[in-house]
PDB file of all heavy atoms in Angstrom:
ATOM      1  N   THR A   1      48.509 -19.699-139.556  1.00  0.00           N
ATOM      2  CA  THR A   1      49.791 -19.776-140.174  1.00  0.00           C
ATOM      3  C   THR A   1      50.841 -18.805-139.687  1.00  0.00           C
ATOM      4  O   THR A   1      50.369 -17.759-139.400  1.00  0.00           O
ATOM      5  CB  THR A   1      49.757 -19.630-141.802  1.00  0.00           C
ATOM      6  OG1 THR A   1      48.709 -20.443-142.324  1.00  0.00           O
ATOM      7  CG2 THR A   1      51.071 -19.720-142.454  1.00  0.00           C
ATOM      8  N   THR A   2      52.097 -19.224-139.302  1.00  0.00           N
ATOM      9  CA  THR A   2      52.971 -18.316-138.823  1.00  0.00           C
ATOM     10  C   THR A   2      53.296 -17.189-139.828  1.00  0.00           C
ATOM     11  O   THR A   2      52.934 -17.343-140.899  1.00  0.00           O
ATOM     12  CB  THR A   2      54.323 -19.031-138.470  1.00  0.00           C
ATOM     13  OG1 THR A   2      54.832 -19.754-139.596  1.00  0.00           O
ATOM     14  CG2 THR A   2      54.122 -20.011-137.402  1.00  0.00           C
ATOM     15  N   SER A   3      53.869 -16.070-139.339  1.00  0.00           N
ATOM     16  CA  SER A   3      54.039 -14.923-140.086  1.00  0.00           C
ATOM     17  C   SER A   3      54.873 -15.127-141.320  1.00  0.00           C
ATOM     18  O   SER A   3      54.692 -14.701-142.407  1.00  0.00           O
ATOM     19  CB  SER A   3      54.692 -13.771-139.182  1.00  0.00           C
ATOM     20  OG  SER A   3      55.907 -14.303-138.659  1.00  0.00           O
ATOM     21  N   GLY A   4      55.877 -16.123-141.219  1.00  0.00           N
ATOM     22  CA  GLY A   4      56.711 -16.437-142.359  1.00  0.00           C
ATOM     23  C   GLY A   4      56.015 -17.566-143.287  1.00  0.00           C
ATOM     24  O   GLY A   4      56.530 -17.663-144.383  1.00  0.00           O
ATOM     25  N   GLY A   5      55.004 -18.063-142.788  1.00  0.00           N
ATOM     26  CA  GLY A   5      54.139 -18.994-143.597  1.00  0.00           C
ATOM     27  C   GLY A   5      54.833 -20.408-143.590  1.00  0.00           C
ATOM     28  O   GLY A   5      54.392 -21.288-144.328  1.00  0.00           O
ATOM     29  N   GLU A   6      55.807 -20.630-142.724  1.00  0.00           N
ATOM     30  CA  GLU A   6      56.621 -21.988-142.699  1.00  0.00           C
ATOM     31  C   GLU A   6      55.762 -22.942-141.925  1.00  0.00           C
ATOM     32  O   GLU A   6      55.676 -24.191-142.458  1.00  0.00           O
ATOM     33  CB  GLU A   6      58.017 -21.900-142.110  1.00  0.00           C
ATOM     34  CG  GLU A   6      58.901 -20.938-142.945  1.00  0.00           C
ATOM     35  CD  GLU A   6      58.821 -19.541-142.434  1.00  0.00           C
ATOM     36  OE1 GLU A   6      58.062 -19.247-141.547  1.00  0.00           O
ATOM     37  OE2 GLU A   6      59.598 -18.667-142.801  1.00  0.00           O
ATOM     38  N   VAL A   7      55.093 -22.633-140.926  1.00  0.00           N
ATOM     39  CA  VAL A   7      54.386 -23.709-140.000  1.00  0.00           C
ATOM     40  C   VAL A   7      52.943 -23.152-139.990  1.00  0.00           C
ATOM     41  O   VAL A   7      52.564 -21.984-139.743  1.00  0.00           O
ATOM     42  CB  VAL A   7      55.016 -23.664-138.717  1.00  0.00           C
ATOM     43  CG1 VAL A   7      54.237 -24.720-137.791  1.00  0.00           C
ATOM     44  CG2 VAL A   7      56.409 -23.994-138.798  1.00  0.00           C
ATOM     45  N   SER A   8      52.029 -24.147-139.990  1.00  0.00           N
ATOM     46  CA  SER A   8      50.571 -23.812-139.806  1.00  0.00           C
ATOM     47  C   SER A   8      49.860 -24.814-138.872  1.00  0.00           C
ATOM     48  O   SER A   8      50.376 -25.983-138.734  1.00  0.00           O
ATOM     49  CB  SER A   8      49.877 -23.857-141.077  1.00  0.00           C
ATOM     50  OG  SER A   8      49.961 -25.057-141.642  1.00  0.00           O
ATOM     51  N   VAL A   9      48.750 -24.562-138.346  1.00  0.00           N
ATOM     52  CA  VAL A   9      47.892 -25.427-137.545  1.00  0.00           C
ATOM     53  C   VAL A   9      46.712 -25.727-138.563  1.00  0.00           C
ATOM     54  O   VAL A   9      46.062 -24.764-139.009  1.00  0.00           O
ATOM     55  CB  VAL A   9      47.297 -24.852-136.324  1.00  0.00           C
ATOM     56  CG1 VAL A   9      46.411 -25.752-135.611  1.00  0.00           C
ATOM     57  CG2 VAL A   9      48.439 -24.394-135.381  1.00  0.00           C
ATOM     58  N   SER A  10      46.473 -27.028-138.902  1.00  0.00           N
ATOM     59  CA  SER A  10      45.330 -27.406-139.725  1.00  0.00           C
ATOM     60  C   SER A  10      44.373 -28.203-139.099  1.00  0.00           C
ATOM     61  O   SER A  10      44.548 -28.808-138.014  1.00  0.00           O
ATOM     62  CB  SER A  10      46.096 -28.178-140.906  1.00  0.00           C
ATOM     63  OG  SER A  10      46.415 -29.492-140.526  1.00  0.00           O
ATOM     64  N   SER A  11      43.299 -28.331-139.703  1.00  0.00           N
ATOM     65  CA  SER A  11      42.136 -29.053-139.111  1.00  0.00           C
ATOM     66  C   SER A  11      42.260 -30.568-139.465  1.00  0.00           C
ATOM     67  O   SER A  11      41.380 -31.363-139.014  1.00  0.00           O
ATOM     68  CB  SER A  11      40.846 -28.594-139.786  1.00  0.00           C
ATOM     69  OG  SER A  11      40.854 -28.536-141.111  1.00  0.00           O
ATOM     70  N   GLY A  12      43.404 -30.989-140.118  1.00  0.00           N
ATOM     71  CA  GLY A  12      43.586 -32.303-140.451  1.00  0.00           C
ATOM     72  C   GLY A  12      44.793 -32.981-139.817  1.00  0.00           C
ATOM     73  O   GLY A  12      45.127 -34.092-139.995  1.00  0.00           O
ATOM     74  N   GLY A  13      45.681 -31.973-139.195  1.00  0.00           N
ATOM     75  CA  GLY A  13      46.876 -32.521-138.694  1.00  0.00           C
ATOM     76  C   GLY A  13      46.768 -32.864-137.162  1.00  0.00           C
ATOM     77  O   GLY A  13      45.831 -32.580-136.546  1.00  0.00           O
ATOM     78  N   MET A  14      47.812 -33.294-136.488  1.00  0.00           N
ATOM     79  CA  MET A  14      49.023 -33.753-137.024  1.00  0.00           C
ATOM     80  C   MET A  14      49.465 -35.031-136.320  1.00  0.00           C
ATOM     81  O   MET A  14      49.819 -36.147-137.016  1.00  0.00           O
ATOM     82  CB  MET A  14      50.076 -32.761-136.972  1.00  0.00           C
ATOM     83  CG  MET A  14      51.404 -33.236-137.449  1.00  0.00           C
ATOM     84  SD  MET A  14      52.659 -31.918-137.185  1.00  0.00           S
ATOM     85  CE  MET A  14      53.851 -32.622-138.284  1.00  0.00           C
ATOM     86  N   ILE A  15      49.273 -34.997-134.944  1.00  0.00           N
ATOM     87  CA  ILE A  15      49.719 -36.147-134.151  1.00  0.00           C
ATOM     88  C   ILE A  15      48.527 -36.963-133.782  1.00  0.00           C
ATOM     89  O   ILE A  15      47.520 -36.478-133.169  1.00  0.00           O
ATOM     90  CB  ILE A  15      50.426 -35.703-132.825  1.00  0.00           C
ATOM     91  CG1 ILE A  15      51.692 -34.965-133.093  1.00  0.00           C
ATOM     92  CG2 ILE A  15      50.856 -36.986-131.966  1.00  0.00           C
ATOM     93  CD1 ILE A  15      52.703 -35.586-133.961  1.00  0.00           C
ATOM     94  N   TYR A  16      48.485 -38.258-134.122  1.00  0.00           N
ATOM     95  CA  TYR A  16      47.344 -39.120-133.864  1.00  0.00           C
ATOM     96  C   TYR A  16      47.712 -40.225-132.921  1.00  0.00           C
ATOM     97  O   TYR A  16      48.790 -40.918-133.114  1.00  0.00           O
ATOM     98  CB  TYR A  16      46.984 -39.790-135.246  1.00  0.00           C
ATOM     99  CG  TYR A  16      45.948 -40.906-135.130  1.00  0.00           C
ATOM    100  CD1 TYR A  16      44.570 -40.719-135.432  1.00  0.00           C
ATOM    101  CD2 TYR A  16      46.299 -42.187-134.874  1.00  0.00           C
ATOM    102  CE1 TYR A  16      43.722 -41.777-135.472  1.00  0.00           C
ATOM    103  CE2 TYR A  16      45.499 -43.287-134.787  1.00  0.00           C
ATOM    104  CZ  TYR A  16      44.169 -42.999-135.082  1.00  0.00           C
ATOM    105  OH  TYR A  16      43.295 -44.066-134.962  1.00  0.00           O
ATOM    106  N   LEU A  17      47.032 -40.474-131.863  1.00  0.00           N
ATOM    107  CA  LEU A  17      47.191 -41.530-130.784  1.00  0.00           C
ATOM    108  C   LEU A  17      45.955 -42.204-130.468  1.00  0.00           C
ATOM    109  O   LEU A  17      44.858 -41.546-130.356  1.00  0.00           O
ATOM    110  CB  LEU A  17      47.806 -40.889-129.518  1.00  0.00           C
ATOM    111  CG  LEU A  17      49.121 -40.127-129.707  1.00  0.00           C
ATOM    112  CD1 LEU A  17      49.381 -39.371-128.285  1.00  0.00           C
ATOM    113  CD2 LEU A  17      50.367 -40.932-129.961  1.00  0.00           C
ATOM    114  N   ALA A  18      46.032 -43.587-130.304  1.00  0.00           N
ATOM    115  CA  ALA A  18      44.751 -44.335-130.135  1.00  0.00           C
ATOM    116  C   ALA A  18      45.063 -45.549-129.322  1.00  0.00           C
ATOM    117  O   ALA A  18      46.159 -46.118-129.404  1.00  0.00           O
ATOM    118  CB  ALA A  18      44.151 -44.723-131.533  1.00  0.00           C
ATOM    119  N   ALA A  19      44.115 -46.052-128.623  1.00  0.00           N
ATOM    120  CA  ALA A  19      44.104 -47.200-127.944  1.00  0.00           C
ATOM    121  C   ALA A  19      42.768 -47.865-127.843  1.00  0.00           C
ATOM    122  O   ALA A  19      41.752 -47.229-127.883  1.00  0.00           O
ATOM    123  CB  ALA A  19      44.502 -47.057-126.467  1.00  0.00           C
ATOM    124  N   GLY A  20      42.786 -49.303-127.877  1.00  0.00           N
ATOM    125  CA  GLY A  20      41.432 -49.821-127.861  1.00  0.00           C
ATOM    126  C   GLY A  20      41.626 -51.424-128.064  1.00  0.00           C
ATOM    127  O   GLY A  20      42.594 -51.905-127.300  1.00  0.00           O
ATOM    128  N   GLY A  21      40.773 -52.144-128.623  1.00  0.00           N
ATOM    129  CA  GLY A  21      40.659 -53.354-128.723  1.00  0.00           C
ATOM    130  C   GLY A  21      40.443 -54.062-130.098  1.00  0.00           C
ATOM    131  O   GLY A  21      39.745 -53.383-130.935  1.00  0.00           O
ATOM    132  N   VAL A  22      40.946 -55.141-130.469  1.00  0.00           N
ATOM    133  CA  VAL A  22      40.621 -55.853-131.728  1.00  0.00           C
ATOM    134  C   VAL A  22      40.000 -57.159-131.377  1.00  0.00           C
ATOM    135  O   VAL A  22      40.513 -58.036-130.690  1.00  0.00           O
ATOM    136  CB  VAL A  22      41.913 -56.069-132.388  1.00  0.00           C
ATOM    137  CG1 VAL A  22      41.637 -56.712-133.838  1.00  0.00           C
ATOM    138  CG2 VAL A  22      42.734 -54.718-132.670  1.00  0.00           C
ATOM    139  N   TYR A  23      38.733 -57.466-131.841  1.00  0.00           N
ATOM    140  CA  TYR A  23      38.159 -58.644-131.702  1.00  0.00           C
ATOM    141  C   TYR A  23      38.280 -59.483-132.933  1.00  0.00           C
ATOM    142  O   TYR A  23      37.846 -59.053-133.989  1.00  0.00           O
ATOM    143  CB  TYR A  23      36.631 -58.527-131.439  1.00  0.00           C
ATOM    144  CG  TYR A  23      35.933 -59.808-131.086  1.00  0.00           C
ATOM    145  CD1 TYR A  23      36.153 -60.429-129.921  1.00  0.00           C
ATOM    146  CD2 TYR A  23      34.990 -60.258-131.997  1.00  0.00           C
ATOM    147  CE1 TYR A  23      35.484 -61.683-129.614  1.00  0.00           C
ATOM    148  CE2 TYR A  23      34.303 -61.508-131.823  1.00  0.00           C
ATOM    149  CZ  TYR A  23      34.625 -62.138-130.566  1.00  0.00           C
ATOM    150  OH  TYR A  23      33.899 -63.388-130.332  1.00  0.00           O
ATOM    151  N   HIS A  24      38.840 -60.661-132.794  1.00  0.00           N
ATOM    152  CA  HIS A  24      39.148 -61.606-133.991  1.00  0.00           C
ATOM    153  C   HIS A  24      37.871 -62.491-134.148  1.00  0.00           C
ATOM    154  O   HIS A  24      37.621 -63.545-133.602  1.00  0.00           O
ATOM    155  CB  HIS A  24      40.304 -62.490-133.791  1.00  0.00           C
ATOM    156  CG  HIS A  24      41.575 -61.751-133.497  1.00  0.00           C
ATOM    157  ND1 HIS A  24      42.209 -60.935-134.498  1.00  0.00           N
ATOM    158  CD2 HIS A  24      42.297 -61.579-132.342  1.00  0.00           C
ATOM    159  CE1 HIS A  24      43.247 -60.241-133.905  1.00  0.00           C
ATOM    160  NE2 HIS A  24      43.382 -60.562-132.687  1.00  0.00           N
ATOM    161  N   VAL A  25      36.901 -62.031-135.048  1.00  0.00           N
ATOM    162  CA  VAL A  25      35.682 -62.690-135.336  1.00  0.00           C
ATOM    163  C   VAL A  25      35.957 -64.124-136.033  1.00  0.00           C
ATOM    164  O   VAL A  25      35.382 -65.172-135.610  1.00  0.00           O
ATOM    165  CB  VAL A  25      34.745 -61.894-136.215  1.00  0.00           C
ATOM    166  CG1 VAL A  25      33.507 -62.747-136.492  1.00  0.00           C
ATOM    167  CG2 VAL A  25      34.396 -60.606-135.538  1.00  0.00           C
ATOM    168  N   SER A  26      36.946 -64.059-136.977  1.00  0.00           N
ATOM    169  CA  SER A  26      37.332 -65.331-137.622  1.00  0.00           C
ATOM    170  C   SER A  26      38.724 -64.983-138.225  1.00  0.00           C
ATOM    171  O   SER A  26      39.180 -63.826-138.078  1.00  0.00           O
ATOM    172  CB  SER A  26      36.385 -65.554-138.877  1.00  0.00           C
ATOM    173  OG  SER A  26      36.495 -64.633-139.856  1.00  0.00           O
ATOM    174  N   PRO A  27      39.307 -66.011-138.876  1.00  0.00           N
ATOM    175  CA  PRO A  27      40.790 -65.823-139.289  1.00  0.00           C
ATOM    176  C   PRO A  27      40.854 -64.642-140.362  1.00  0.00           C
ATOM    177  O   PRO A  27      41.858 -64.022-140.669  1.00  0.00           O
ATOM    178  CB  PRO A  27      41.087 -67.041-139.984  1.00  0.00           C
ATOM    179  CG  PRO A  27      40.327 -68.149-139.179  1.00  0.00           C
ATOM    180  CD  PRO A  27      39.075 -67.474-138.875  1.00  0.00           C
ATOM    181  N   ASN A  28      39.666 -64.326-141.070  1.00  0.00           N
ATOM    182  CA  ASN A  28      39.710 -63.230-142.080  1.00  0.00           C
ATOM    183  C   ASN A  28      38.820 -62.154-141.725  1.00  0.00           C
ATOM    184  O   ASN A  28      38.564 -61.240-142.684  1.00  0.00           O
ATOM    185  CB  ASN A  28      39.264 -63.933-143.422  1.00  0.00           C
ATOM    186  CG  ASN A  28      40.032 -65.029-143.918  1.00  0.00           C
ATOM    187  OD1 ASN A  28      39.773 -66.219-143.977  1.00  0.00           O
ATOM    188  ND2 ASN A  28      41.271 -64.596-144.488  1.00  0.00           N
ATOM    189  N   PHE A  29      38.434 -61.946-140.410  1.00  0.00           N
ATOM    190  CA  PHE A  29      37.549 -60.790-140.164  1.00  0.00           C
ATOM    191  C   PHE A  29      37.930 -60.399-138.720  1.00  0.00           C
ATOM    192  O   PHE A  29      37.730 -61.085-137.731  1.00  0.00           O
ATOM    193  CB  PHE A  29      36.142 -61.262-140.251  1.00  0.00           C
ATOM    194  CG  PHE A  29      35.155 -60.084-140.179  1.00  0.00           C
ATOM    195  CD1 PHE A  29      35.174 -58.960-140.932  1.00  0.00           C
ATOM    196  CD2 PHE A  29      34.246 -60.089-139.099  1.00  0.00           C
ATOM    197  CE1 PHE A  29      34.339 -57.857-140.869  1.00  0.00           C
ATOM    198  CE2 PHE A  29      33.353 -59.025-138.826  1.00  0.00           C
ATOM    199  CZ  PHE A  29      33.482 -57.872-139.728  1.00  0.00           C
ATOM    200  N   ASP A  30      38.344 -58.966-138.576  1.00  0.00           N
ATOM    201  CA  ASP A  30      38.554 -58.489-137.269  1.00  0.00           C
ATOM    202  C   ASP A  30      37.593 -57.253-137.106  1.00  0.00           C
ATOM    203  O   ASP A  30      37.119 -56.588-138.240  1.00  0.00           O
ATOM    204  CB  ASP A  30      39.967 -57.866-137.155  1.00  0.00           C
ATOM    205  CG  ASP A  30      40.995 -59.004-137.124  1.00  0.00           C
ATOM    206  OD1 ASP A  30      40.654 -60.195-136.810  1.00  0.00           O
ATOM    207  OD2 ASP A  30      42.253 -58.687-137.281  1.00  0.00           O
ATOM    208  N   VAL A  31      37.171 -56.902-135.974  1.00  0.00           N
ATOM    209  CA  VAL A  31      36.535 -55.730-135.525  1.00  0.00           C
ATOM    210  C   VAL A  31      37.445 -54.915-134.579  1.00  0.00           C
ATOM    211  O   VAL A  31      37.753 -55.482-133.499  1.00  0.00           O
ATOM    212  CB  VAL A  31      35.119 -55.975-135.028  1.00  0.00           C
ATOM    213  CG1 VAL A  31      34.423 -54.575-134.683  1.00  0.00           C
ATOM    214  CG2 VAL A  31      34.256 -56.651-136.191  1.00  0.00           C
ATOM    215  N   GLN A  32      37.684 -53.693-134.879  1.00  0.00           N
ATOM    216  CA  GLN A  32      38.574 -52.856-134.051  1.00  0.00           C
ATOM    217  C   GLN A  32      37.695 -51.688-133.576  1.00  0.00           C
ATOM    218  O   GLN A  32      37.259 -50.934-134.315  1.00  0.00           O
ATOM    219  CB  GLN A  32      39.731 -52.424-134.951  1.00  0.00           C
ATOM    220  CG  GLN A  32      40.790 -51.566-134.038  1.00  0.00           C
ATOM    221  CD  GLN A  32      42.040 -51.277-134.880  1.00  0.00           C
ATOM    222  OE1 GLN A  32      42.801 -52.197-135.091  1.00  0.00           O
ATOM    223  NE2 GLN A  32      42.288 -50.071-135.251  1.00  0.00           N
ATOM    224  N   ALA A  33      37.868 -51.325-132.311  1.00  0.00           N
ATOM    225  CA  ALA A  33      37.275 -50.289-131.719  1.00  0.00           C
ATOM    226  C   ALA A  33      38.368 -49.507-130.957  1.00  0.00           C
ATOM    227  O   ALA A  33      39.219 -50.107-130.214  1.00  0.00           O
ATOM    228  CB  ALA A  33      36.193 -50.633-130.672  1.00  0.00           C
ATOM    229  N   ALA A  34      38.309 -48.097-131.001  1.00  0.00           N
ATOM    230  CA  ALA A  34      39.501 -47.365-130.362  1.00  0.00           C
ATOM    231  C   ALA A  34      39.010 -45.980-129.945  1.00  0.00           C
ATOM    232  O   ALA A  34      37.972 -45.392-130.569  1.00  0.00           O
ATOM    233  CB  ALA A  34      40.636 -47.158-131.394  1.00  0.00           C
ATOM    234  N   PHE A  35      39.720 -45.549-129.018  1.00  0.00           N
ATOM    235  CA  PHE A  35      39.588 -44.090-128.394  1.00  0.00           C
ATOM    236  C   PHE A  35      40.822 -43.418-128.590  1.00  0.00           C
ATOM    237  O   PHE A  35      41.911 -44.041-128.214  1.00  0.00           O
ATOM    238  CB  PHE A  35      39.102 -44.150-127.015  1.00  0.00           C
ATOM    239  CG  PHE A  35      38.964 -42.834-126.417  1.00  0.00           C
ATOM    240  CD1 PHE A  35      37.928 -42.006-126.558  1.00  0.00           C
ATOM    241  CD2 PHE A  35      39.976 -42.418-125.619  1.00  0.00           C
ATOM    242  CE1 PHE A  35      37.821 -40.730-126.030  1.00  0.00           C
ATOM    243  CE2 PHE A  35      39.917 -41.085-125.029  1.00  0.00           C
ATOM    244  CZ  PHE A  35      38.923 -40.314-125.190  1.00  0.00           C
ATOM    245  N   GLY A  36      40.802 -42.236-128.985  1.00  0.00           N
ATOM    246  CA  GLY A  36      42.004 -41.515-129.183  1.00  0.00           C
ATOM    247  C   GLY A  36      42.099 -40.041-129.088  1.00  0.00           C
ATOM    248  O   GLY A  36      41.133 -39.417-128.716  1.00  0.00           O
ATOM    249  N   TYR A  37      43.297 -39.472-129.337  1.00  0.00           N
ATOM    250  CA  TYR A  37      43.502 -38.050-129.155  1.00  0.00           C
ATOM    251  C   TYR A  37      44.272 -37.584-130.398  1.00  0.00           C
ATOM    252  O   TYR A  37      45.188 -38.122-130.897  1.00  0.00           O
ATOM    253  CB  TYR A  37      44.482 -37.830-127.895  1.00  0.00           C
ATOM    254  CG  TYR A  37      44.712 -36.407-127.643  1.00  0.00           C
ATOM    255  CD1 TYR A  37      43.800 -35.383-127.260  1.00  0.00           C
ATOM    256  CD2 TYR A  37      46.077 -35.826-127.625  1.00  0.00           C
ATOM    257  CE1 TYR A  37      44.035 -34.111-126.972  1.00  0.00           C
ATOM    258  CE2 TYR A  37      46.310 -34.594-127.347  1.00  0.00           C
ATOM    259  CZ  TYR A  37      45.339 -33.675-127.021  1.00  0.00           C
ATOM    260  OH  TYR A  37      45.570 -32.397-126.679  1.00  0.00           O
ATOM    261  N   HIS A  38      43.859 -36.384-130.948  1.00  0.00           N
ATOM    262  CA  HIS A  38      44.460 -35.928-132.274  1.00  0.00           C
ATOM    263  C   HIS A  38      44.721 -34.321-132.000  1.00  0.00           C
ATOM    264  O   HIS A  38      43.897 -33.724-131.583  1.00  0.00           O
ATOM    265  CB  HIS A  38      43.389 -36.045-133.342  1.00  0.00           C
ATOM    266  CG  HIS A  38      43.951 -36.080-134.640  1.00  0.00           C
ATOM    267  ND1 HIS A  38      43.237 -36.467-135.783  1.00  0.00           N
ATOM    268  CD2 HIS A  38      45.097 -35.863-135.259  1.00  0.00           C
ATOM    269  CE1 HIS A  38      43.995 -36.413-136.906  1.00  0.00           C
ATOM    270  NE2 HIS A  38      45.152 -36.065-136.487  1.00  0.00           N
ATOM    271  N   ILE A  39      45.883 -33.928-132.246  1.00  0.00           N
ATOM    272  CA  ILE A  39      46.305 -32.561-132.103  1.00  0.00           C
ATOM    273  C   ILE A  39      47.191 -32.006-133.178  1.00  0.00           C
ATOM    274  O   ILE A  39      48.012 -32.792-133.685  1.00  0.00           O
ATOM    275  CB  ILE A  39      46.944 -32.501-130.669  1.00  0.00           C
ATOM    276  CG1 ILE A  39      47.342 -31.013-130.384  1.00  0.00           C
ATOM    277  CG2 ILE A  39      48.186 -33.411-130.636  1.00  0.00           C
ATOM    278  CD1 ILE A  39      47.910 -30.691-129.034  1.00  0.00           C
ATOM    279  N   ASP A  40      47.062 -30.843-133.534  1.00  0.00           N
ATOM    280  CA  ASP A  40      48.031 -30.073-134.246  1.00  0.00           C
ATOM    281  C   ASP A  40      48.305 -28.791-133.565  1.00  0.00           C
ATOM    282  O   ASP A  40      47.282 -28.111-132.990  1.00  0.00           O
ATOM    283  CB  ASP A  40      47.550 -29.682-135.782  1.00  0.00           C
ATOM    284  CG  ASP A  40      48.575 -29.374-136.615  1.00  0.00           C
ATOM    285  OD1 ASP A  40      49.781 -29.335-136.194  1.00  0.00           O
ATOM    286  OD2 ASP A  40      48.284 -28.936-137.811  1.00  0.00           O
ATOM    287  N   GLN A  41      49.603 -28.289-133.566  1.00  0.00           N
ATOM    288  CA  GLN A  41      49.819 -27.103-132.758  1.00  0.00           C
ATOM    289  C   GLN A  41      51.092 -26.405-133.336  1.00  0.00           C
ATOM    290  O   GLN A  41      51.946 -27.031-134.056  1.00  0.00           O
ATOM    291  CB  GLN A  41      50.056 -27.367-131.378  1.00  0.00           C
ATOM    292  CG  GLN A  41      51.246 -28.207-130.952  1.00  0.00           C
ATOM    293  CD  GLN A  41      51.339 -28.493-129.458  1.00  0.00           C
ATOM    294  OE1 GLN A  41      50.463 -28.503-128.819  1.00  0.00           O
ATOM    295  NE2 GLN A  41      52.547 -28.771-129.078  1.00  0.00           N
ATOM    296  N   VAL A  42      51.195 -25.119-133.062  1.00  0.00           N
ATOM    297  CA  VAL A  42      52.425 -24.415-133.499  1.00  0.00           C
ATOM    298  C   VAL A  42      52.819 -23.527-132.361  1.00  0.00           C
ATOM    299  O   VAL A  42      51.919 -22.854-131.708  1.00  0.00           O
ATOM    300  CB  VAL A  42      52.113 -23.599-134.723  1.00  0.00           C
ATOM    301  CG1 VAL A  42      51.026 -22.550-134.591  1.00  0.00           C
ATOM    302  CG2 VAL A  42      53.496 -22.822-135.108  1.00  0.00           C
TER     303      VAL A  42
END
């Protein structure tokens, strides 16, 4: 957390990016697989 407490780096934040594929098994069922990058910083 910054000295003033305004900004922090957390283990659940913050920018989420993903790419992959979606397989349409049927009109009511999809299976999605993805690879991605997740980062938080200050």
